Amino acid sequence: MTYEVQFQVGTAEYTARGPDIDGVLRLIQGVQGVGRVPEWIDWAGGACPVASGVVVALQPRSGRQTRGEGQTFDWGHTGRPGDIVRYRVCE
């Protein structure tokens, strides 16, 4: 099951989606925490959890962090070093 919640912070609209409701709620809290860095959200693989245009910071199994538009990354897990194991939304 995938949970999806649409919400707004100021004039920006977001869609949070993920395989567990706790992760979705942590994502929303991170985005709403304007002025502070959102917490990392553990990721077990699946469809991209952020809407198009949302920039995220990622940490793959290899440990080398990167960032970019969420929709441009492969969010599935294949057991390789590039699998995303945690992420957070960037402002």
C-alpha atoms as a PDB file:
ATOM      1  CA  MET A   1       0.000   0.000   0.000  1.00  0.00           C
ATOM      2  CA  THR A   2       1.199   3.520  -0.766  1.00  0.00           C
ATOM      3  CA  TYR A   3       0.032   6.535   1.225  1.00  0.00           C
ATOM      4  CA  GLU A   4      -0.295   9.908  -0.497  1.00  0.00           C
ATOM      5  CA  VAL A   5      -1.029  13.268   1.133  1.00  0.00           C
ATOM      6  CA  GLN A   6      -1.285  16.649  -0.587  1.00  0.00           C
ATOM      7  CA  PHE A   7      -0.542  19.724   1.518  1.00  0.00           C
ATOM      8  CA  GLN A   8       0.513  23.347   1.274  1.00  0.00           C
ATOM      9  CA  VAL A   9       3.187  25.387   3.062  1.00  0.00           C
ATOM     10  CA  GLY A  10       2.779  29.084   2.294  1.00  0.00           C
ATOM     11  CA  THR A  11       2.163  29.258  -1.440  1.00  0.00           C
ATOM     12  CA  ALA A  12       4.044  26.031  -2.253  1.00  0.00           C
ATOM     13  CA  GLU A  13       2.050  22.852  -2.810  1.00  0.00           C
ATOM     14  CA  TYR A  14       3.497  19.422  -2.064  1.00  0.00           C
ATOM     15  CA  THR A  15       2.564  15.775  -2.433  1.00  0.00           C
ATOM     16  CA  ALA A  16       4.082  13.316   0.012  1.00  0.00           C
ATOM     17  CA  ARG A  17       3.864   9.614  -0.764  1.00  0.00           C
ATOM     18  CA  GLY A  18       5.423   6.524   0.658  1.00  0.00           C
ATOM     19  CA  PRO A  19       4.919   2.938   1.743  1.00  0.00           C
ATOM     20  CA  ASP A  20       4.298   3.743   5.411  1.00  0.00           C
ATOM     21  CA  ILE A  21       2.218   6.506   6.977  1.00  0.00           C
ATOM     22  CA  ASP A  22       4.887   7.351   9.595  1.00  0.00           C
ATOM     23  CA  GLY A  23       7.392   8.136   6.839  1.00  0.00           C
ATOM     24  CA  VAL A  24       4.848  10.301   5.033  1.00  0.00           C
ATOM     25  CA  LEU A  25       4.108  12.227   8.218  1.00  0.00           C
ATOM     26  CA  ARG A  26       7.837  12.759   8.899  1.00  0.00           C
ATOM     27  CA  LEU A  27       8.218  14.079   5.355  1.00  0.00           C
ATOM     28  CA  ILE A  28       5.373  16.561   5.870  1.00  0.00           C
ATOM     29  CA  GLN A  29       6.832  17.700   9.195  1.00  0.00           C
ATOM     30  CA  GLY A  30      10.227  18.184   7.556  1.00  0.00           C
ATOM     31  CA  VAL A  31       8.789  20.320   4.784  1.00  0.00           C
ATOM     32  CA  GLN A  32       6.695  22.356   7.217  1.00  0.00           C
ATOM     33  CA  GLY A  33       9.748  23.027   9.392  1.00  0.00           C
ATOM     34  CA  VAL A  34      10.721  26.068   7.320  1.00  0.00           C
ATOM     35  CA  GLY A  35      14.000  27.514   8.553  1.00  0.00           C
ATOM     36  CA  ARG A  36      15.387  24.236   9.799  1.00  0.00           C
ATOM     37  CA  VAL A  37      16.878  21.225   8.059  1.00  0.00           C
ATOM     38  CA  PRO A  38      14.357  18.379   7.793  1.00  0.00           C
ATOM     39  CA  GLU A  39      15.265  15.087   9.418  1.00  0.00           C
ATOM     40  CA  TRP A  40      16.435  12.153   7.350  1.00  0.00           C
ATOM     41  CA  ILE A  41      13.745   9.657   6.392  1.00  0.00           C
ATOM     42  CA  ASP A  42      14.722   5.994   6.090  1.00  0.00           C
ATOM     43  CA  TRP A  43      13.840   4.493   2.701  1.00  0.00           C
ATOM     44  CA  ALA A  44      13.219   0.811   1.951  1.00  0.00           C
ATOM     45  CA  GLY A  45      12.671   1.184  -1.796  1.00  0.00           C
ATOM     46  CA  GLY A  46       9.620   1.773  -3.962  1.00  0.00           C
ATOM     47  CA  ALA A  47       8.130   4.551  -6.053  1.00  0.00           C
ATOM     48  CA  CYS A  48       9.499   8.089  -5.723  1.00  0.00           C
ATOM     49  CA  PRO A  49       7.986   9.590  -2.539  1.00  0.00           C
ATOM     50  CA  VAL A  50       8.091  13.258  -3.633  1.00  0.00           C
ATOM     51  CA  ALA A  51       6.240  15.259  -6.259  1.00  0.00           C
ATOM     52  CA  SER A  52       7.815  16.494  -9.472  1.00  0.00           C
ATOM     53  CA  GLY A  53      10.131  19.463  -8.943  1.00  0.00           C
ATOM     54  CA  VAL A  54      10.896  18.710  -5.280  1.00  0.00           C
ATOM     55  CA  VAL A  55      14.633  18.738  -4.520  1.00  0.00           C
ATOM     56  CA  VAL A  56      15.913  16.097  -2.129  1.00  0.00           C
ATOM     57  CA  ALA A  57      19.200  15.151  -0.480  1.00  0.00           C
ATOM     58  CA  LEU A  58      19.914  11.435  -0.755  1.00  0.00           C
ATOM     59  CA  GLN A  59      22.163   8.953   0.945  1.00  0.00           C
ATOM     60  CA  PRO A  60      22.743   5.703  -0.947  1.00  0.00           C
ATOM     61  CA  ARG A  61      24.169   2.509   0.573  1.00  0.00           C
ATOM     62  CA  SER A  62      27.618   3.687  -0.510  1.00  0.00           C
ATOM     63  CA  GLY A  63      27.293   6.617   1.913  1.00  0.00           C
ATOM     64  CA  ARG A  64      28.113   9.307  -0.663  1.00  0.00           C
ATOM     65  CA  GLN A  65      25.367  11.910  -0.351  1.00  0.00           C
ATOM     66  CA  THR A  66      23.943  13.763  -3.344  1.00  0.00           C
ATOM     67  CA  ARG A  67      21.014  16.009  -4.088  1.00  0.00           C
ATOM     68  CA  GLY A  68      18.751  16.812  -6.984  1.00  0.00           C
ATOM     69  CA  GLU A  69      15.166  16.712  -8.207  1.00  0.00           C
ATOM     70  CA  GLY A  70      13.574  13.625  -6.662  1.00  0.00           C
ATOM     71  CA  GLN A  71      11.917  12.417  -9.857  1.00  0.00           C
ATOM     72  CA  THR A  72      15.317  12.015 -11.562  1.00  0.00           C
ATOM     73  CA  PHE A  73      16.512   9.238  -9.226  1.00  0.00           C
ATOM     74  CA  ASP A  74      15.793   5.496  -9.166  1.00  0.00           C
ATOM     75  CA  TRP A  75      14.057   4.878  -5.826  1.00  0.00           C
ATOM     76  CA  GLY A  76      13.843   1.103  -6.177  1.00  0.00           C
ATOM     77  CA  HIS A  77      16.215  -1.258  -4.420  1.00  0.00           C
ATOM     78  CA  THR A  78      18.412  -3.732  -6.301  1.00  0.00           C
ATOM     79  CA  GLY A  79      20.911  -4.551  -3.540  1.00  0.00           C
ATOM     80  CA  ARG A  80      23.592  -2.299  -5.032  1.00  0.00           C
ATOM     81  CA  PRO A  81      25.635   0.555  -3.510  1.00  0.00           C
ATOM     82  CA  GLY A  82      23.508   3.172  -5.313  1.00  0.00           C
ATOM     83  CA  ASP A  83      20.229   2.168  -3.616  1.00  0.00           C
ATOM     84  CA  ILE A  84      18.741   5.108  -1.712  1.00  0.00           C
ATOM     85  CA  VAL A  85      18.568   4.249   2.000  1.00  0.00           C
ATOM     86  CA  ARG A  86      17.496   7.649   3.347  1.00  0.00           C
ATOM     87  CA  TYR A  87      16.507  11.081   2.069  1.00  0.00           C
ATOM     88  CA  ARG A  88      15.266  14.497   3.121  1.00  0.00           C
ATOM     89  CA  VAL A  89      13.497  17.322   1.341  1.00  0.00           C
ATOM     90  CA  CYS A  90      15.633  20.409   0.626  1.00  0.00           C
ATOM     91  CA  GLU A  91      14.308  23.941   0.696  1.00  0.00           C
END
